[in-house]
PDB file of all heavy atoms in Angstrom:
ATOM      1  N   ALA A   1      -7.748 -11.943   3.868  1.00  0.00           N
ATOM      2  CA  ALA A   1      -6.634 -11.447   3.085  1.00  0.00           C
ATOM      3  C   ALA A   1      -5.401 -11.306   3.971  1.00  0.00           C
ATOM      4  O   ALA A   1      -5.487 -10.984   5.158  1.00  0.00           O
ATOM      5  CB  ALA A   1      -6.980 -10.068   2.520  1.00  0.00           C
ATOM      6  N   THR A   2      -4.249 -11.572   3.369  1.00  0.00           N
ATOM      7  CA  THR A   2      -2.957 -11.363   4.030  1.00  0.00           C
ATOM      8  C   THR A   2      -2.104 -10.497   3.112  1.00  0.00           C
ATOM      9  O   THR A   2      -2.391 -10.371   1.905  1.00  0.00           O
ATOM     10  CB  THR A   2      -2.237 -12.701   4.284  1.00  0.00           C
ATOM     11  OG1 THR A   2      -2.053 -13.396   3.038  1.00  0.00           O
ATOM     12  CG2 THR A   2      -3.021 -13.579   5.234  1.00  0.00           C
ATOM     13  N   ASP A   3      -1.068  -9.926   3.680  1.00  0.00           N
ATOM     14  CA  ASP A   3      -0.154  -9.087   2.912  1.00  0.00           C
ATOM     15  C   ASP A   3       1.278  -9.412   3.323  1.00  0.00           C
ATOM     16  O   ASP A   3       1.554  -9.594   4.533  1.00  0.00           O
ATOM     17  CB  ASP A   3      -0.440  -7.589   3.207  1.00  0.00           C
ATOM     18  CG  ASP A   3       0.442  -6.681   2.419  1.00  0.00           C
ATOM     19  OD1 ASP A   3       0.158  -6.502   1.210  1.00  0.00           O
ATOM     20  OD2 ASP A   3       1.433  -6.171   2.966  1.00  0.00           O
ATOM     21  N   PRO A   4       2.192  -9.531   2.344  1.00  0.00           N
ATOM     22  CA  PRO A   4       3.591  -9.885   2.725  1.00  0.00           C
ATOM     23  C   PRO A   4       4.224  -8.975   3.730  1.00  0.00           C
ATOM     24  O   PRO A   4       5.044  -9.395   4.545  1.00  0.00           O
ATOM     25  CB  PRO A   4       4.307  -9.842   1.357  1.00  0.00           C
ATOM     26  CG  PRO A   4       3.227 -10.096   0.341  1.00  0.00           C
ATOM     27  CD  PRO A   4       2.008  -9.440   0.898  1.00  0.00           C
ATOM     28  N   GLU A   5       3.873  -7.677   3.678  1.00  0.00           N
ATOM     29  CA  GLU A   5       4.444  -6.746   4.642  1.00  0.00           C
ATOM     30  C   GLU A   5       3.601  -6.559   5.888  1.00  0.00           C
ATOM     31  O   GLU A   5       4.118  -6.425   6.999  1.00  0.00           O
ATOM     32  CB  GLU A   5       4.641  -5.371   3.976  1.00  0.00           C
ATOM     33  CG  GLU A   5       5.724  -5.313   2.904  1.00  0.00           C
ATOM     34  CD  GLU A   5       5.212  -5.823   1.564  1.00  0.00           C
ATOM     35  OE1 GLU A   5       3.967  -5.875   1.373  1.00  0.00           O
ATOM     36  OE2 GLU A   5       6.027  -6.166   0.698  1.00  0.00           O
ATOM     37  N   ASP A   6       2.259  -6.532   5.739  1.00  0.00           N
ATOM     38  CA  ASP A   6       1.371  -6.194   6.834  1.00  0.00           C
ATOM     39  C   ASP A   6       0.844  -7.417   7.581  1.00  0.00           C
ATOM     40  O   ASP A   6       0.277  -7.258   8.665  1.00  0.00           O
ATOM     41  CB  ASP A   6       0.191  -5.379   6.339  1.00  0.00           C
ATOM     42  CG  ASP A   6       0.591  -4.050   5.722  1.00  0.00           C
ATOM     43  OD1 ASP A   6       1.706  -3.597   6.039  1.00  0.00           O
ATOM     44  OD2 ASP A   6      -0.199  -3.478   4.952  1.00  0.00           O
ATOM     45  N   GLY A   7       0.968  -8.600   7.017  1.00  0.00           N
ATOM     46  CA  GLY A   7       0.397  -9.766   7.651  1.00  0.00           C
ATOM     47  C   GLY A   7      -1.097  -9.872   7.372  1.00  0.00           C
ATOM     48  O   GLY A   7      -1.585  -9.478   6.286  1.00  0.00           O
ATOM     49  N   VAL A   8      -1.871 -10.347   8.350  1.00  0.00           N
ATOM     50  CA  VAL A   8      -3.325 -10.465   8.194  1.00  0.00           C
ATOM     51  C   VAL A   8      -3.932  -9.076   8.165  1.00  0.00           C
ATOM     52  O   VAL A   8      -3.696  -8.275   9.097  1.00  0.00           O
ATOM     53  CB  VAL A   8      -3.951 -11.309   9.327  1.00  0.00           C
ATOM     54  CG1 VAL A   8      -5.454 -11.330   9.192  1.00  0.00           C
ATOM     55  CG2 VAL A   8      -3.367 -12.699   9.336  1.00  0.00           C
ATOM     56  N   LEU A   9      -4.704  -8.789   7.122  1.00  0.00           N
ATOM     57  CA  LEU A   9      -5.267  -7.428   6.978  1.00  0.00           C
ATOM     58  C   LEU A   9      -6.584  -7.315   7.707  1.00  0.00           C
ATOM     59  O   LEU A   9      -7.410  -8.266   7.724  1.00  0.00           O
ATOM     60  CB  LEU A   9      -5.449  -7.112   5.486  1.00  0.00           C
ATOM     61  CG  LEU A   9      -4.143  -6.983   4.683  1.00  0.00           C
ATOM     62  CD1 LEU A   9      -4.432  -6.792   3.220  1.00  0.00           C
ATOM     63  CD2 LEU A   9      -3.297  -5.852   5.232  1.00  0.00           C
ATOM     64  N   PRO A  10      -6.872  -6.166   8.304  1.00  0.00           N
ATOM     65  CA  PRO A  10      -8.084  -5.957   9.050  1.00  0.00           C
ATOM     66  C   PRO A  10      -9.293  -5.684   8.129  1.00  0.00           C
ATOM     67  O   PRO A  10      -9.136  -5.477   6.913  1.00  0.00           O
ATOM     68  CB  PRO A  10      -7.799  -4.711   9.904  1.00  0.00           C
ATOM     69  CG  PRO A  10      -6.820  -3.931   9.045  1.00  0.00           C
ATOM     70  CD  PRO A  10      -5.992  -4.973   8.356  1.00  0.00           C
ATOM     71  N   ALA A  11     -10.490  -5.657   8.695  1.00  0.00           N
ATOM     72  CA  ALA A  11     -11.701  -5.421   7.923  1.00  0.00           C
ATOM     73  C   ALA A  11     -11.675  -4.068   7.221  1.00  0.00           C
ATOM     74  O   ALA A  11     -12.238  -3.932   6.140  1.00  0.00           O
ATOM     75  CB  ALA A  11     -12.935  -5.511   8.816  1.00  0.00           C
ATOM     76  N   SER A  12     -10.962  -3.103   7.795  1.00  0.00           N
ATOM     77  CA  SER A  12     -10.932  -1.785   7.194  1.00  0.00           C
ATOM     78  C   SER A  12     -10.248  -1.764   5.838  1.00  0.00           C
ATOM     79  O   SER A  12     -10.389  -0.824   5.057  1.00  0.00           O
ATOM     80  CB  SER A  12     -10.177  -0.811   8.130  1.00  0.00           C
ATOM     81  OG  SER A  12      -8.856  -1.284   8.386  1.00  0.00           O
ATOM     82  N   ALA A  13      -9.533  -2.836   5.510  1.00  0.00           N
ATOM     83  CA  ALA A  13      -8.855  -2.927   4.215  1.00  0.00           C
ATOM     84  C   ALA A  13      -9.755  -3.495   3.103  1.00  0.00           C
ATOM     85  O   ALA A  13      -9.368  -3.527   1.938  1.00  0.00           O
ATOM     86  CB  ALA A  13      -7.608  -3.818   4.334  1.00  0.00           C
ATOM     87  N   PHE A  14     -10.990  -3.889   3.450  1.00  0.00           N
ATOM     88  CA  PHE A  14     -11.883  -4.648   2.524  1.00  0.00           C
ATOM     89  C   PHE A  14     -12.890  -3.694   1.896  1.00  0.00           C
ATOM     90  O   PHE A  14     -13.418  -2.808   2.525  1.00  0.00           O
ATOM     91  CB  PHE A  14     -12.596  -5.744   3.249  1.00  0.00           C
ATOM     92  CG  PHE A  14     -11.750  -6.936   3.592  1.00  0.00           C
ATOM     93  CD1 PHE A  14     -10.679  -6.843   4.476  1.00  0.00           C
ATOM     94  CD2 PHE A  14     -12.006  -8.197   3.032  1.00  0.00           C
ATOM     95  CE1 PHE A  14      -9.873  -7.928   4.785  1.00  0.00           C
ATOM     96  CE2 PHE A  14     -11.232  -9.281   3.322  1.00  0.00           C
ATOM     97  CZ  PHE A  14     -10.169  -9.158   4.183  1.00  0.00           C
ATOM     98  N   GLU A  15     -13.209  -3.992   0.623  1.00  0.00           N
ATOM     99  CA  GLU A  15     -14.335  -3.371  -0.095  1.00  0.00           C
ATOM    100  C   GLU A  15     -14.949  -4.403  -1.017  1.00  0.00           C
ATOM    101  O   GLU A  15     -14.232  -5.041  -1.794  1.00  0.00           O
ATOM    102  CB  GLU A  15     -13.857  -2.139  -0.866  1.00  0.00           C
ATOM    103  CG  GLU A  15     -14.997  -1.500  -1.662  1.00  0.00           C
ATOM    104  CD  GLU A  15     -14.555  -0.290  -2.470  1.00  0.00           C
ATOM    105  OE1 GLU A  15     -13.647   0.440  -2.008  1.00  0.00           O
ATOM    106  OE2 GLU A  15     -15.091  -0.084  -3.579  1.00  0.00           O
ATOM    107  N   TRP A  16     -16.260  -4.520  -0.954  1.00  0.00           N
ATOM    108  CA  TRP A  16     -17.017  -5.464  -1.788  1.00  0.00           C
ATOM    109  C   TRP A  16     -17.908  -4.696  -2.789  1.00  0.00           C
ATOM    110  O   TRP A  16     -18.488  -3.658  -2.426  1.00  0.00           O
ATOM    111  CB  TRP A  16     -17.921  -6.377  -0.960  1.00  0.00           C
ATOM    112  CG  TRP A  16     -17.238  -7.232   0.040  1.00  0.00           C
ATOM    113  CD1 TRP A  16     -16.855  -6.884   1.324  1.00  0.00           C
ATOM    114  CD2 TRP A  16     -16.824  -8.578  -0.147  1.00  0.00           C
ATOM    115  NE1 TRP A  16     -16.295  -7.959   1.930  1.00  0.00           N
ATOM    116  CE2 TRP A  16     -16.207  -9.012   1.076  1.00  0.00           C
ATOM    117  CE3 TRP A  16     -16.915  -9.495  -1.200  1.00  0.00           C
ATOM    118  CZ2 TRP A  16     -15.729 -10.293   1.241  1.00  0.00           C
ATOM    119  CZ3 TRP A  16     -16.411 -10.784  -1.038  1.00  0.00           C
ATOM    120  CH2 TRP A  16     -15.845 -11.173   0.176  1.00  0.00           C
ATOM    121  N   ASN A  17     -18.013  -5.192  -3.980  1.00  0.00           N
ATOM    122  CA  ASN A  17     -18.957  -4.645  -4.949  1.00  0.00           C
ATOM    123  C   ASN A  17     -19.579  -5.822  -5.732  1.00  0.00           C
ATOM    124  O   ASN A  17     -18.927  -6.806  -6.021  1.00  0.00           O
ATOM    125  CB  ASN A  17     -18.293  -3.706  -5.955  1.00  0.00           C
ATOM    126  CG  ASN A  17     -17.996  -2.335  -5.323  1.00  0.00           C
ATOM    127  OD1 ASN A  17     -18.869  -1.503  -5.252  1.00  0.00           O
ATOM    128  ND2 ASN A  17     -16.774  -2.150  -4.851  1.00  0.00           N
ATOM    129  N   ILE A  18     -20.864  -5.670  -6.086  1.00  0.00           N
ATOM    130  CA  ILE A  18     -21.556  -6.690  -6.857  1.00  0.00           C
ATOM    131  C   ILE A  18     -21.991  -6.054  -8.151  1.00  0.00           C
ATOM    132  O   ILE A  18     -22.655  -5.019  -8.137  1.00  0.00           O
ATOM    133  CB  ILE A  18     -22.776  -7.246  -6.100  1.00  0.00           C
ATOM    134  CG1 ILE A  18     -22.371  -7.829  -4.750  1.00  0.00           C
ATOM    135  CG2 ILE A  18     -23.483  -8.320  -6.934  1.00  0.00           C
ATOM    136  CD1 ILE A  18     -23.519  -8.311  -3.905  1.00  0.00           C
ATOM    137  N   VAL A  19     -21.635  -6.677  -9.282  1.00  0.00           N
ATOM    138  CA  VAL A  19     -21.965  -6.139 -10.594  1.00  0.00           C
ATOM    139  C   VAL A  19     -22.808  -7.177 -11.334  1.00  0.00           C
ATOM    140  O   VAL A  19     -22.439  -8.372 -11.382  1.00  0.00           O
ATOM    141  CB  VAL A  19     -20.695  -5.837 -11.399  1.00  0.00           C
ATOM    142  CG1 VAL A  19     -21.063  -5.319 -12.801  1.00  0.00           C
ATOM    143  CG2 VAL A  19     -19.865  -4.751 -10.664  1.00  0.00           C
ATOM    144  N   LEU A  20     -23.898  -6.766 -11.912  1.00  0.00           N
ATOM    145  CA  LEU A  20     -24.754  -7.630 -12.721  1.00  0.00           C
ATOM    146  C   LEU A  20     -24.252  -7.555 -14.190  1.00  0.00           C
ATOM    147  O   LEU A  20     -24.227  -6.454 -14.777  1.00  0.00           O
ATOM    148  CB  LEU A  20     -26.221  -7.177 -12.650  1.00  0.00           C
ATOM    149  CG  LEU A  20     -27.167  -7.944 -13.575  1.00  0.00           C
ATOM    150  CD1 LEU A  20     -27.284  -9.424 -13.202  1.00  0.00           C
ATOM    151  CD2 LEU A  20     -28.552  -7.292 -13.593  1.00  0.00           C
ATOM    152  N   HIS A  21     -23.875  -8.713 -14.713  1.00  0.00           N
ATOM    153  CA  HIS A  21     -23.468  -8.791 -16.144  1.00  0.00           C
ATOM    154  C   HIS A  21     -24.698  -9.296 -16.922  1.00  0.00           C
ATOM    155  O   HIS A  21     -25.219 -10.385 -16.638  1.00  0.00           O
ATOM    156  CB  HIS A  21     -22.308  -9.737 -16.291  1.00  0.00           C
ATOM    157  CG  HIS A  21     -21.024  -9.172 -15.804  1.00  0.00           C
ATOM    158  ND1 HIS A  21     -19.958  -8.891 -16.661  1.00  0.00           N
ATOM    159  CD2 HIS A  21     -20.602  -8.814 -14.585  1.00  0.00           C
ATOM    160  CE1 HIS A  21     -18.945  -8.410 -15.968  1.00  0.00           C
ATOM    161  NE2 HIS A  21     -19.316  -8.351 -14.678  1.00  0.00           N
ATOM    162  N   HIS A  22     -25.104  -8.514 -17.904  1.00  0.00           N
ATOM    163  CA  HIS A  22     -26.234  -8.874 -18.759  1.00  0.00           C
ATOM    164  C   HIS A  22     -25.792  -8.766 -20.200  1.00  0.00           C
ATOM    165  O   HIS A  22     -25.440  -7.700 -20.675  1.00  0.00           O
ATOM    166  CB  HIS A  22     -27.430  -7.929 -18.477  1.00  0.00           C
ATOM    167  CG  HIS A  22     -28.536  -8.097 -19.476  1.00  0.00           C
ATOM    168  ND1 HIS A  22     -29.296  -7.070 -19.961  1.00  0.00           N
ATOM    169  CD2 HIS A  22     -29.021  -9.238 -20.049  1.00  0.00           C
ATOM    170  CE1 HIS A  22     -30.182  -7.529 -20.794  1.00  0.00           C
ATOM    171  NE2 HIS A  22     -30.034  -8.846 -20.892  1.00  0.00           N
ATOM    172  N   ASN A  23     -25.819  -9.927 -20.883  1.00  0.00           N
ATOM    173  CA  ASN A  23     -25.418  -9.946 -22.276  1.00  0.00           C
ATOM    174  C   ASN A  23     -23.985  -9.418 -22.390  1.00  0.00           C
ATOM    175  O   ASN A  23     -23.083  -9.994 -21.789  1.00  0.00           O
ATOM    176  CB  ASN A  23     -26.403  -9.167 -23.130  1.00  0.00           C
ATOM    177  CG  ASN A  23     -26.331  -9.571 -24.589  1.00  0.00           C
ATOM    178  OD1 ASN A  23     -25.378  -9.298 -25.262  1.00  0.00           O
ATOM    179  ND2 ASN A  23     -27.386 -10.212 -25.077  1.00  0.00           N
ATOM    180  N   VAL A  24     -23.782  -8.286 -23.079  1.00  0.00           N
ATOM    181  CA  VAL A  24     -22.431  -7.764 -23.240  1.00  0.00           C
ATOM    182  C   VAL A  24     -22.174  -6.510 -22.443  1.00  0.00           C
ATOM    183  O   VAL A  24     -21.181  -5.816 -22.623  1.00  0.00           O
ATOM    184  CB  VAL A  24     -22.116  -7.508 -24.714  1.00  0.00           C
ATOM    185  CG1 VAL A  24     -22.152  -8.787 -25.535  1.00  0.00           C
ATOM    186  CG2 VAL A  24     -23.116  -6.500 -25.318  1.00  0.00           C
ATOM    187  N   HIS A  25     -23.104  -6.147 -21.542  1.00  0.00           N
ATOM    188  CA  HIS A  25     -22.929  -4.949 -20.745  1.00  0.00           C
ATOM    189  C   HIS A  25     -23.146  -5.258 -19.257  1.00  0.00           C
ATOM    190  O   HIS A  25     -23.495  -6.414 -18.901  1.00  0.00           O
ATOM    191  CB  HIS A  25     -23.867  -3.838 -21.207  1.00  0.00           C
ATOM    192  CG  HIS A  25     -25.324  -4.188 -21.133  1.00  0.00           C
ATOM    193  ND1 HIS A  25     -25.997  -4.845 -22.121  1.00  0.00           N
ATOM    194  CD2 HIS A  25     -26.230  -4.020 -20.146  1.00  0.00           C
ATOM    195  CE1 HIS A  25     -27.239  -5.061 -21.773  1.00  0.00           C
ATOM    196  NE2 HIS A  25     -27.410  -4.541 -20.596  1.00  0.00           N
ATOM    197  N   THR A  26     -22.888  -4.300 -18.447  1.00  0.00           N
ATOM    198  CA  THR A  26     -22.961  -4.503 -16.978  1.00  0.00           C
ATOM    199  C   THR A  26     -23.804  -3.421 -16.337  1.00  0.00           C
ATOM    200  O   THR A  26     -24.017  -2.336 -16.875  1.00  0.00           O
ATOM    201  CB  THR A  26     -21.572  -4.491 -16.318  1.00  0.00           C
ATOM    202  OG1 THR A  26     -20.980  -3.174 -16.508  1.00  0.00           O
ATOM    203  CG2 THR A  26     -20.670  -5.540 -16.960  1.00  0.00           C
ATOM    204  N   HIS A  27     -24.315  -3.762 -15.119  1.00  0.00           N
ATOM    205  CA  HIS A  27     -25.048  -2.815 -14.285  1.00  0.00           C
ATOM    206  C   HIS A  27     -24.486  -2.920 -12.873  1.00  0.00           C
ATOM    207  O   HIS A  27     -24.402  -4.037 -12.305  1.00  0.00           O
ATOM    208  CB  HIS A  27     -26.548  -3.147 -14.223  1.00  0.00           C
ATOM    209  CG  HIS A  27     -27.200  -3.317 -15.571  1.00  0.00           C
ATOM    210  ND1 HIS A  27     -27.741  -2.276 -16.276  1.00  0.00           N
ATOM    211  CD2 HIS A  27     -27.407  -4.408 -16.332  1.00  0.00           C
ATOM    212  CE1 HIS A  27     -28.256  -2.721 -17.409  1.00  0.00           C
ATOM    213  NE2 HIS A  27     -28.060  -4.019 -17.475  1.00  0.00           N
ATOM    214  N   PRO A  28     -24.165  -1.790 -12.217  1.00  0.00           N
ATOM    215  CA  PRO A  28     -23.832  -1.872 -10.786  1.00  0.00           C
ATOM    216  C   PRO A  28     -25.041  -2.418 -10.006  1.00  0.00           C
ATOM    217  O   PRO A  28     -26.174  -1.898 -10.194  1.00  0.00           O
ATOM    218  CB  PRO A  28     -23.538  -0.419 -10.423  1.00  0.00           C
ATOM    219  CG  PRO A  28     -23.237   0.293 -11.698  1.00  0.00           C
ATOM    220  CD  PRO A  28     -24.058  -0.423 -12.748  1.00  0.00           C
ATOM    221  N   GLU A  29     -24.864  -3.443  -9.228  1.00  0.00           N
ATOM    222  CA  GLU A  29     -25.967  -4.070  -8.515  1.00  0.00           C
ATOM    223  C   GLU A  29     -26.026  -3.667  -7.051  1.00  0.00           C
ATOM    224  O   GLU A  29     -27.071  -3.279  -6.542  1.00  0.00           O
ATOM    225  CB  GLU A  29     -25.905  -5.593  -8.642  1.00  0.00           C
ATOM    226  CG  GLU A  29     -27.001  -6.357  -7.964  1.00  0.00           C
ATOM    227  CD  GLU A  29     -28.343  -6.180  -8.645  1.00  0.00           C
ATOM    228  OE1 GLU A  29     -28.380  -5.795  -9.807  1.00  0.00           O
ATOM    229  OE2 GLU A  29     -29.377  -6.472  -8.008  1.00  0.00           O
ATOM    230  N   ALA A  30     -24.927  -3.814  -6.343  1.00  0.00           N
ATOM    231  CA  ALA A  30     -24.930  -3.494  -4.912  1.00  0.00           C
ATOM    232  C   ALA A  30     -23.524  -3.137  -4.466  1.00  0.00           C
ATOM    233  O   ALA A  30     -22.523  -3.568  -5.059  1.00  0.00           O
ATOM    234  CB  ALA A  30     -25.426  -4.679  -4.110  1.00  0.00           C
ATOM    235  N   GLY A  31     -23.425  -2.353  -3.415  1.00  0.00           N
ATOM    236  CA  GLY A  31     -22.143  -1.928  -2.876  1.00  0.00           C
ATOM    237  C   GLY A  31     -21.857  -0.470  -3.220  1.00  0.00           C
ATOM    238  O   GLY A  31     -22.686   0.193  -3.874  1.00  0.00           O
ATOM    239  N   PRO A  32     -20.728   0.041  -2.815  1.00  0.00           N
ATOM    240  CA  PRO A  32     -19.685  -0.734  -2.115  1.00  0.00           C
ATOM    241  C   PRO A  32     -20.032  -1.006  -0.649  1.00  0.00           C
ATOM    242  O   PRO A  32     -20.646  -0.208   0.009  1.00  0.00           O
ATOM    243  CB  PRO A  32     -18.481   0.169  -2.204  1.00  0.00           C
ATOM    244  CG  PRO A  32     -19.049   1.548  -2.294  1.00  0.00           C
ATOM    245  CD  PRO A  32     -20.319   1.428  -3.030  1.00  0.00           C
ATOM    246  N   PHE A  33     -19.599  -2.225  -0.173  1.00  0.00           N
ATOM    247  CA  PHE A  33     -19.643  -2.539   1.251  1.00  0.00           C
ATOM    248  C   PHE A  33     -18.214  -2.375   1.752  1.00  0.00           C
ATOM    249  O   PHE A  33     -17.351  -3.187   1.441  1.00  0.00           O
ATOM    250  CB  PHE A  33     -20.113  -3.994   1.464  1.00  0.00           C
ATOM    251  CG  PHE A  33     -21.452  -4.297   0.825  1.00  0.00           C
ATOM    252  CD1 PHE A  33     -21.526  -5.199  -0.248  1.00  0.00           C
ATOM    253  CD2 PHE A  33     -22.615  -3.631   1.196  1.00  0.00           C
ATOM    254  CE1 PHE A  33     -22.758  -5.487  -0.864  1.00  0.00           C
ATOM    255  CE2 PHE A  33     -23.834  -3.900   0.587  1.00  0.00           C
ATOM    256  CZ  PHE A  33     -23.920  -4.852  -0.436  1.00  0.00           C
ATOM    257  N   ILE A  34     -17.966  -1.304   2.483  1.00  0.00           N
ATOM    258  CA  ILE A  34     -16.615  -0.920   2.848  1.00  0.00           C
ATOM    259  C   ILE A  34     -16.360  -1.232   4.309  1.00  0.00           C
ATOM    260  O   ILE A  34     -17.228  -0.999   5.170  1.00  0.00           O
ATOM    261  CB  ILE A  34     -16.397   0.583   2.556  1.00  0.00           C
ATOM    262  CG1 ILE A  34     -16.606   0.843   1.047  1.00  0.00           C
ATOM    263  CG2 ILE A  34     -15.029   1.039   3.003  1.00  0.00           C
ATOM    264  CD1 ILE A  34     -16.552   2.336   0.711  1.00  0.00           C
ATOM    265  N   GLY A  35     -15.162  -1.739   4.583  1.00  0.00           N
ATOM    266  CA  GLY A  35     -14.710  -1.928   5.957  1.00  0.00           C
ATOM    267  C   GLY A  35     -15.329  -3.160   6.623  1.00  0.00           C
ATOM    268  O   GLY A  35     -15.410  -3.219   7.857  1.00  0.00           O
ATOM    269  N   VAL A  36     -15.723  -4.149   5.829  1.00  0.00           N
ATOM    270  CA  VAL A  36     -16.267  -5.392   6.411  1.00  0.00           C
ATOM    271  C   VAL A  36     -15.693  -6.602   5.698  1.00  0.00           C
ATOM    272  O   VAL A  36     -15.423  -6.552   4.494  1.00  0.00           O
ATOM    273  CB  VAL A  36     -17.840  -5.418   6.271  1.00  0.00           C
ATOM    274  CG1 VAL A  36     -18.489  -4.365   7.150  1.00  0.00           C
ATOM    275  CG2 VAL A  36     -18.274  -5.278   4.831  1.00  0.00           C
TER     276      VAL A  36
END
């Protein structure tokens, strides 16, 4: 990731989440993975 003001963003700016979509609803699957 880059930012117009900050430039290249560090790992601390990142958060990942995985969501399982089933039919018309969702389930949280994994995460958050923060700072990586």
